[in-house]
């Protein structure tokens, strides 16, 4: 048999979605623990939103999302440095552009993820439209863990 086979010996690549919210930071911590125990690569993904309306109004959207990404990387490096003497996790940080769902799908596909970890939505509007987590679960392409 040839080709890529997901999850046959446990996860080797765990993708965790980050957006700076408290639940996404808890999801990243949970994913880091999974990656450590499984000796997997932890891939932290920030999806930069594409806000056409903001750009049309002259808002510096690209600069703002870059600042968020840089802030997330700084927070991650600080957390990794804090635990470096206790345990180590191989990790990478990637940014993708688009809406959160499409960005995480693209990341998981491109990085050949064995598992995806996301924080629970903190938005009441997602009860109507559907949260990113629910959409990822319904896609049925990877095991998805939703961290409260």
N, C-alpha and C. Protein backbone atom coordinates (compact mmCIF):
# COMPACT_ATOMS: atom_id res chain seq x y z
N UNK A 1 0.85 -1.17 0.00
CA UNK A 1 0.00 0.00 0.00
C UNK A 1 0.89 1.23 0.00
N UNK A 2 0.56 2.21 -0.79
CA UNK A 2 1.35 3.43 -0.85
C UNK A 2 0.49 4.62 -0.47
N UNK A 3 1.15 5.74 -0.27
CA UNK A 3 0.41 6.96 0.05
C UNK A 3 0.38 7.22 1.54
N UNK A 4 -0.29 8.25 1.88
CA UNK A 4 -0.36 8.70 3.27
C UNK A 4 -1.48 7.99 3.99
N UNK A 5 -1.21 7.49 5.18
CA UNK A 5 -2.20 6.79 5.98
C UNK A 5 -2.28 7.46 7.34
N UNK A 6 -3.41 8.05 7.66
CA UNK A 6 -3.56 8.80 8.90
C UNK A 6 -3.76 7.90 10.10
N UNK A 7 -3.09 8.25 11.19
CA UNK A 7 -3.39 7.71 12.49
C UNK A 7 -3.17 6.24 12.73
N UNK A 8 -2.37 5.56 11.93
CA UNK A 8 -2.22 4.13 12.12
C UNK A 8 -1.37 3.78 13.34
N UNK A 9 -0.42 4.62 13.69
CA UNK A 9 0.44 4.38 14.84
C UNK A 9 0.31 5.50 15.86
N UNK A 10 -0.83 6.12 15.92
CA UNK A 10 -1.00 7.30 16.75
C UNK A 10 -0.69 8.54 15.94
N UNK A 11 -1.10 9.67 16.44
CA UNK A 11 -0.88 10.90 15.67
C UNK A 11 0.59 11.28 15.59
N UNK A 12 1.01 11.68 14.42
CA UNK A 12 2.37 12.18 14.21
C UNK A 12 2.37 13.69 14.03
N UNK A 13 1.24 14.23 13.56
CA UNK A 13 1.09 15.68 13.40
C UNK A 13 -0.24 16.08 14.02
N UNK A 14 -0.18 16.97 14.99
CA UNK A 14 -1.38 17.48 15.65
C UNK A 14 -1.48 18.96 15.35
N UNK A 15 -2.57 19.36 14.73
CA UNK A 15 -2.81 20.76 14.40
C UNK A 15 -3.72 21.36 15.47
N UNK A 16 -3.32 22.52 16.00
CA UNK A 16 -4.15 23.24 16.96
C UNK A 16 -4.41 24.63 16.42
N UNK A 17 -5.67 25.01 16.38
CA UNK A 17 -6.04 26.34 15.91
C UNK A 17 -5.94 27.36 17.02
N UNK A 18 -5.31 28.48 16.71
CA UNK A 18 -5.14 29.58 17.67
C UNK A 18 -5.76 30.85 17.11
N UNK A 19 -6.46 31.58 17.97
CA UNK A 19 -6.94 32.90 17.56
C UNK A 19 -6.73 33.93 18.67
N UNK A 20 -6.05 33.54 19.72
CA UNK A 20 -5.79 34.46 20.82
C UNK A 20 -6.83 34.39 21.92
N UNK A 21 -7.94 33.71 21.70
CA UNK A 21 -8.97 33.58 22.74
C UNK A 21 -8.48 32.64 23.83
N UNK A 22 -9.10 32.75 24.99
CA UNK A 22 -8.74 31.88 26.12
C UNK A 22 -8.96 30.42 25.76
N UNK A 23 -10.06 30.10 25.08
CA UNK A 23 -10.32 28.69 24.75
C UNK A 23 -9.31 28.16 23.73
N UNK A 24 -8.85 29.01 22.81
CA UNK A 24 -7.85 28.53 21.85
C UNK A 24 -6.50 28.32 22.52
N UNK A 25 -6.19 29.12 23.53
CA UNK A 25 -4.94 28.93 24.26
C UNK A 25 -4.99 27.64 25.08
N UNK A 26 -6.17 27.36 25.66
CA UNK A 26 -6.33 26.07 26.39
C UNK A 26 -6.22 24.91 25.41
N UNK A 27 -6.77 25.07 24.20
CA UNK A 27 -6.67 24.02 23.18
C UNK A 27 -5.22 23.78 22.80
N UNK A 28 -4.44 24.85 22.66
CA UNK A 28 -3.03 24.71 22.32
C UNK A 28 -2.27 23.99 23.44
N UNK A 29 -2.60 24.30 24.68
CA UNK A 29 -1.96 23.62 25.81
C UNK A 29 -2.31 22.14 25.82
N UNK A 30 -3.57 21.85 25.59
CA UNK A 30 -4.02 20.45 25.55
C UNK A 30 -3.31 19.71 24.41
N UNK A 31 -3.25 20.35 23.24
CA UNK A 31 -2.59 19.74 22.08
C UNK A 31 -1.10 19.53 22.36
N UNK A 32 -0.48 20.46 23.08
CA UNK A 32 0.94 20.30 23.43
C UNK A 32 1.14 19.07 24.30
N UNK A 33 0.25 18.85 25.24
CA UNK A 33 0.34 17.65 26.07
C UNK A 33 0.19 16.38 25.24
N UNK A 34 -0.77 16.39 24.31
CA UNK A 34 -0.93 15.23 23.42
C UNK A 34 0.33 15.00 22.59
N UNK A 35 0.85 16.08 22.04
CA UNK A 35 2.05 15.97 21.20
C UNK A 35 3.23 15.43 22.00
N UNK A 36 3.37 15.89 23.22
CA UNK A 36 4.47 15.42 24.07
C UNK A 36 4.35 13.93 24.33
N UNK A 37 3.15 13.49 24.73
CA UNK A 37 2.96 12.07 25.06
C UNK A 37 3.08 11.17 23.84
N UNK A 38 2.69 11.67 22.67
CA UNK A 38 2.71 10.87 21.45
C UNK A 38 3.99 11.06 20.64
N UNK A 39 4.88 11.93 21.11
CA UNK A 39 6.10 12.26 20.36
C UNK A 39 5.73 12.75 18.96
N UNK A 40 4.68 13.56 18.91
CA UNK A 40 4.17 14.09 17.64
C UNK A 40 4.64 15.53 17.45
N UNK A 41 4.54 15.99 16.24
CA UNK A 41 4.81 17.39 15.91
C UNK A 41 3.55 18.19 16.20
N UNK A 42 3.68 19.24 16.98
CA UNK A 42 2.58 20.15 17.26
C UNK A 42 2.66 21.30 16.26
N UNK A 43 1.59 21.50 15.51
CA UNK A 43 1.55 22.60 14.55
C UNK A 43 0.47 23.57 15.01
N UNK A 44 0.90 24.74 15.44
CA UNK A 44 -0.02 25.78 15.89
C UNK A 44 -0.36 26.66 14.69
N UNK A 45 -1.65 26.84 14.45
CA UNK A 45 -2.10 27.54 13.25
C UNK A 45 -2.96 28.73 13.62
N UNK A 46 -2.57 29.88 13.10
CA UNK A 46 -3.38 31.09 13.21
C UNK A 46 -3.91 31.42 11.82
N UNK A 47 -5.23 31.54 11.71
CA UNK A 47 -5.83 31.87 10.42
C UNK A 47 -6.12 33.36 10.42
N UNK A 48 -5.43 34.06 9.53
CA UNK A 48 -5.61 35.51 9.40
C UNK A 48 -6.91 35.77 8.64
N UNK A 49 -7.85 36.44 9.28
CA UNK A 49 -9.12 36.70 8.59
C UNK A 49 -8.92 37.65 7.42
N UNK A 50 -9.69 37.43 6.39
CA UNK A 50 -9.69 38.32 5.24
C UNK A 50 -10.92 39.20 5.40
N UNK A 51 -10.68 40.46 5.71
CA UNK A 51 -11.77 41.39 5.97
C UNK A 51 -11.85 42.42 4.86
N UNK A 52 -12.52 42.06 3.79
CA UNK A 52 -12.61 42.95 2.64
C UNK A 52 -13.27 44.28 3.01
N UNK A 53 -14.30 44.25 3.85
CA UNK A 53 -14.99 45.48 4.23
C UNK A 53 -14.05 46.41 4.99
N UNK A 54 -13.26 45.85 5.89
CA UNK A 54 -12.31 46.67 6.65
C UNK A 54 -11.27 47.30 5.74
N UNK A 55 -10.80 46.53 4.78
CA UNK A 55 -9.80 47.04 3.85
C UNK A 55 -10.40 48.15 2.99
N UNK A 56 -11.66 47.98 2.61
CA UNK A 56 -12.33 48.98 1.78
C UNK A 56 -12.48 50.30 2.53
N UNK A 57 -12.61 50.22 3.84
CA UNK A 57 -12.76 51.42 4.66
C UNK A 57 -11.42 52.01 5.07
N UNK A 58 -10.35 51.41 4.58
CA UNK A 58 -9.02 51.94 4.86
C UNK A 58 -8.38 51.39 6.12
N UNK A 59 -8.99 50.39 6.75
CA UNK A 59 -8.41 49.80 7.96
C UNK A 59 -7.19 48.97 7.58
N UNK A 60 -6.11 49.08 8.35
CA UNK A 60 -4.89 48.31 8.05
C UNK A 60 -5.03 46.86 8.50
N UNK A 61 -5.87 46.10 7.81
CA UNK A 61 -6.20 44.73 8.21
C UNK A 61 -4.98 43.83 8.21
N UNK A 62 -4.19 43.87 7.16
CA UNK A 62 -3.02 42.99 7.07
C UNK A 62 -2.05 43.25 8.22
N UNK A 63 -1.82 44.54 8.52
CA UNK A 63 -0.92 44.87 9.62
C UNK A 63 -1.45 44.36 10.95
N UNK A 64 -2.76 44.50 11.15
CA UNK A 64 -3.37 44.06 12.41
C UNK A 64 -3.24 42.55 12.57
N UNK A 65 -3.56 41.78 11.54
CA UNK A 65 -3.48 40.32 11.66
C UNK A 65 -2.04 39.86 11.80
N UNK A 66 -1.10 40.56 11.18
CA UNK A 66 0.32 40.23 11.37
C UNK A 66 0.74 40.47 12.81
N UNK A 67 0.25 41.56 13.40
CA UNK A 67 0.57 41.86 14.79
C UNK A 67 0.02 40.78 15.72
N UNK A 68 -1.20 40.31 15.42
CA UNK A 68 -1.79 39.24 16.23
C UNK A 68 -0.92 37.98 16.11
N UNK A 69 -0.53 37.62 14.89
CA UNK A 69 0.32 36.44 14.68
C UNK A 69 1.63 36.57 15.43
N UNK A 70 2.26 37.76 15.36
CA UNK A 70 3.53 37.97 16.06
C UNK A 70 3.33 37.88 17.57
N UNK A 71 2.22 38.40 18.07
CA UNK A 71 1.92 38.30 19.50
C UNK A 71 1.72 36.86 19.94
N UNK A 72 1.03 36.08 19.12
CA UNK A 72 0.82 34.67 19.43
C UNK A 72 2.15 33.92 19.48
N UNK A 73 3.02 34.18 18.50
CA UNK A 73 4.33 33.52 18.49
C UNK A 73 5.12 33.89 19.74
N UNK A 74 5.08 35.15 20.13
CA UNK A 74 5.80 35.58 21.34
C UNK A 74 5.25 34.86 22.57
N UNK A 75 3.91 34.75 22.66
CA UNK A 75 3.29 34.04 23.79
C UNK A 75 3.70 32.57 23.80
N UNK A 76 3.72 31.96 22.62
CA UNK A 76 4.08 30.54 22.52
C UNK A 76 5.54 30.34 22.93
N UNK A 77 6.42 31.17 22.43
CA UNK A 77 7.84 31.05 22.79
C UNK A 77 8.04 31.21 24.30
N UNK A 78 7.32 32.13 24.90
CA UNK A 78 7.42 32.34 26.35
C UNK A 78 6.95 31.09 27.10
N UNK A 79 5.83 30.50 26.66
CA UNK A 79 5.31 29.30 27.30
C UNK A 79 6.27 28.13 27.12
N UNK A 80 6.83 27.98 25.93
CA UNK A 80 7.77 26.89 25.66
C UNK A 80 9.03 27.07 26.51
N UNK A 81 9.52 28.28 26.63
CA UNK A 81 10.70 28.56 27.44
C UNK A 81 10.44 28.25 28.91
N UNK A 82 9.22 28.51 29.35
CA UNK A 82 8.85 28.27 30.75
C UNK A 82 8.91 26.79 31.13
N UNK A 83 8.60 25.90 30.20
CA UNK A 83 8.57 24.46 30.50
C UNK A 83 9.74 23.68 29.91
N UNK A 84 10.71 24.37 29.32
CA UNK A 84 11.77 23.68 28.58
C UNK A 84 12.57 22.71 29.44
N UNK A 85 12.69 22.97 30.74
CA UNK A 85 13.45 22.06 31.60
C UNK A 85 12.60 20.88 32.07
N UNK A 86 11.28 20.98 31.92
CA UNK A 86 10.39 19.91 32.35
C UNK A 86 10.12 18.92 31.23
N UNK A 87 9.72 19.44 30.08
CA UNK A 87 9.47 18.61 28.91
C UNK A 87 9.58 19.43 27.65
N UNK A 88 9.77 18.72 26.56
CA UNK A 88 9.95 19.40 25.27
C UNK A 88 8.95 18.88 24.26
N UNK A 89 8.53 19.77 23.42
CA UNK A 89 7.62 19.43 22.33
C UNK A 89 8.17 20.04 21.06
N UNK A 90 8.20 19.25 20.00
CA UNK A 90 8.55 19.80 18.69
C UNK A 90 7.33 20.57 18.21
N UNK A 91 7.54 21.82 17.79
CA UNK A 91 6.41 22.60 17.34
C UNK A 91 6.78 23.53 16.21
N UNK A 92 5.77 23.90 15.46
CA UNK A 92 5.88 24.87 14.38
C UNK A 92 4.69 25.81 14.48
N UNK A 93 4.85 27.00 13.93
CA UNK A 93 3.76 27.97 13.87
C UNK A 93 3.53 28.33 12.41
N UNK A 94 2.28 28.26 11.98
CA UNK A 94 1.94 28.60 10.60
C UNK A 94 0.77 29.57 10.59
N UNK A 95 0.76 30.44 9.60
CA UNK A 95 -0.41 31.29 9.39
C UNK A 95 -1.00 30.95 8.03
N UNK A 96 -2.32 31.00 7.98
CA UNK A 96 -3.07 30.81 6.75
C UNK A 96 -4.04 31.98 6.66
N UNK A 97 -4.53 32.26 5.48
CA UNK A 97 -5.49 33.35 5.30
C UNK A 97 -6.85 32.79 4.94
N UNK A 98 -7.89 33.48 5.38
CA UNK A 98 -9.26 33.08 5.06
C UNK A 98 -10.11 33.02 6.30
N UNK A 99 -11.26 32.39 6.17
CA UNK A 99 -12.08 32.20 7.37
C UNK A 99 -11.48 31.05 8.17
N UNK A 100 -11.81 31.01 9.44
CA UNK A 100 -11.17 30.05 10.36
C UNK A 100 -11.35 28.59 9.90
N UNK A 101 -12.55 28.24 9.49
CA UNK A 101 -12.79 26.86 9.07
C UNK A 101 -11.96 26.49 7.84
N UNK A 102 -12.04 27.30 6.80
CA UNK A 102 -11.30 27.01 5.57
C UNK A 102 -9.79 27.01 5.82
N UNK A 103 -9.33 27.92 6.66
CA UNK A 103 -7.91 27.97 6.98
C UNK A 103 -7.43 26.74 7.72
N UNK A 104 -8.22 26.27 8.67
CA UNK A 104 -7.83 25.06 9.42
C UNK A 104 -7.89 23.82 8.53
N UNK A 105 -8.87 23.76 7.66
CA UNK A 105 -8.95 22.63 6.71
C UNK A 105 -7.72 22.64 5.81
N UNK A 106 -7.37 23.81 5.28
CA UNK A 106 -6.19 23.91 4.41
C UNK A 106 -4.93 23.51 5.17
N UNK A 107 -4.82 23.97 6.41
CA UNK A 107 -3.64 23.63 7.22
C UNK A 107 -3.57 22.13 7.47
N UNK A 108 -4.68 21.55 7.89
CA UNK A 108 -4.70 20.11 8.20
C UNK A 108 -4.39 19.28 6.96
N UNK A 109 -4.91 19.69 5.81
CA UNK A 109 -4.63 18.97 4.57
C UNK A 109 -3.17 19.12 4.17
N UNK A 110 -2.69 20.35 4.14
CA UNK A 110 -1.33 20.62 3.68
C UNK A 110 -0.29 19.96 4.59
N UNK A 111 -0.57 19.95 5.89
CA UNK A 111 0.40 19.43 6.87
C UNK A 111 0.17 17.95 7.19
N UNK A 112 -0.81 17.35 6.52
CA UNK A 112 -1.15 15.94 6.71
C UNK A 112 -1.40 15.62 8.19
N UNK A 113 -2.31 16.40 8.76
CA UNK A 113 -2.63 16.27 10.18
C UNK A 113 -3.29 14.93 10.48
N UNK A 114 -2.92 14.39 11.63
CA UNK A 114 -3.57 13.18 12.13
C UNK A 114 -4.69 13.53 13.09
N UNK A 115 -4.65 14.74 13.65
CA UNK A 115 -5.66 15.18 14.60
C UNK A 115 -5.71 16.71 14.59
N UNK A 116 -6.88 17.25 14.93
CA UNK A 116 -7.07 18.69 15.01
C UNK A 116 -7.65 19.01 16.37
N UNK A 117 -7.10 20.04 17.01
CA UNK A 117 -7.58 20.47 18.33
C UNK A 117 -7.95 21.94 18.23
N UNK A 118 -9.16 22.27 18.68
CA UNK A 118 -9.61 23.66 18.66
C UNK A 118 -10.32 23.97 19.97
N UNK A 119 -10.40 25.26 20.27
CA UNK A 119 -11.15 25.71 21.43
C UNK A 119 -12.62 25.81 21.09
N UNK A 120 -13.45 25.67 22.13
CA UNK A 120 -14.89 25.83 21.93
C UNK A 120 -15.18 27.29 21.59
N UNK A 121 -16.17 27.49 20.76
CA UNK A 121 -16.53 28.85 20.36
C UNK A 121 -17.03 29.64 21.56
N UNK A 122 -16.63 30.89 21.61
CA UNK A 122 -17.09 31.78 22.67
C UNK A 122 -18.13 32.76 22.14
N UNK A 123 -18.62 32.51 20.91
CA UNK A 123 -19.56 33.41 20.26
C UNK A 123 -20.97 32.83 20.27
N UNK A 124 -21.92 33.62 20.74
CA UNK A 124 -23.31 33.17 20.77
C UNK A 124 -23.86 32.98 19.35
N UNK A 125 -23.36 33.75 18.39
CA UNK A 125 -23.83 33.65 17.02
C UNK A 125 -23.57 32.30 16.38
N UNK A 126 -22.61 31.58 16.90
CA UNK A 126 -22.28 30.28 16.32
C UNK A 126 -23.36 29.24 16.56
N UNK A 127 -24.27 29.51 17.48
CA UNK A 127 -25.38 28.57 17.68
C UNK A 127 -26.26 28.52 16.43
N UNK A 128 -26.29 29.62 15.70
CA UNK A 128 -27.12 29.69 14.49
C UNK A 128 -26.33 29.24 13.27
N UNK A 129 -25.14 29.79 13.05
CA UNK A 129 -24.35 29.52 11.87
C UNK A 129 -23.58 28.21 11.99
N UNK A 130 -23.16 27.86 13.18
CA UNK A 130 -22.35 26.68 13.40
C UNK A 130 -20.91 27.08 13.67
N UNK A 131 -20.36 26.51 14.71
CA UNK A 131 -18.99 26.87 15.08
C UNK A 131 -17.99 26.17 14.17
N UNK A 132 -16.77 26.68 14.21
CA UNK A 132 -15.67 26.07 13.46
C UNK A 132 -15.51 24.62 13.91
N UNK A 133 -15.58 24.38 15.22
CA UNK A 133 -15.40 23.04 15.76
C UNK A 133 -16.44 22.07 15.21
N UNK A 134 -17.70 22.49 15.21
CA UNK A 134 -18.77 21.62 14.70
C UNK A 134 -18.56 21.35 13.22
N UNK A 135 -18.17 22.36 12.46
CA UNK A 135 -17.94 22.17 11.03
C UNK A 135 -16.77 21.22 10.78
N UNK A 136 -15.72 21.30 11.60
CA UNK A 136 -14.59 20.37 11.46
C UNK A 136 -15.02 18.94 11.77
N UNK A 137 -15.81 18.78 12.83
CA UNK A 137 -16.29 17.43 13.18
C UNK A 137 -17.15 16.88 12.04
N UNK A 138 -18.05 17.69 11.52
CA UNK A 138 -18.94 17.24 10.44
C UNK A 138 -18.17 16.90 9.17
N UNK A 139 -17.02 17.55 8.97
CA UNK A 139 -16.22 17.23 7.78
C UNK A 139 -15.75 15.78 7.84
N UNK A 140 -15.54 15.24 9.03
CA UNK A 140 -15.19 13.83 9.21
C UNK A 140 -13.87 13.41 8.60
N UNK A 141 -12.91 14.33 8.53
CA UNK A 141 -11.65 14.01 7.88
C UNK A 141 -10.52 13.73 8.87
N UNK A 142 -10.67 14.19 10.10
CA UNK A 142 -9.64 13.98 11.14
C UNK A 142 -10.36 13.82 12.46
N UNK A 143 -9.73 13.17 13.42
CA UNK A 143 -10.26 13.23 14.78
C UNK A 143 -10.16 14.69 15.24
N UNK A 144 -11.22 15.22 15.81
CA UNK A 144 -11.25 16.60 16.26
C UNK A 144 -11.54 16.61 17.75
N UNK A 145 -10.70 17.32 18.50
CA UNK A 145 -10.92 17.50 19.93
C UNK A 145 -11.29 18.96 20.15
N UNK A 146 -12.40 19.16 20.86
CA UNK A 146 -12.84 20.52 21.18
C UNK A 146 -12.61 20.74 22.67
N UNK A 147 -11.80 21.75 22.98
CA UNK A 147 -11.43 22.04 24.36
C UNK A 147 -12.26 23.22 24.85
N UNK A 148 -12.95 23.05 25.99
CA UNK A 148 -13.77 24.17 26.51
C UNK A 148 -12.93 25.33 27.00
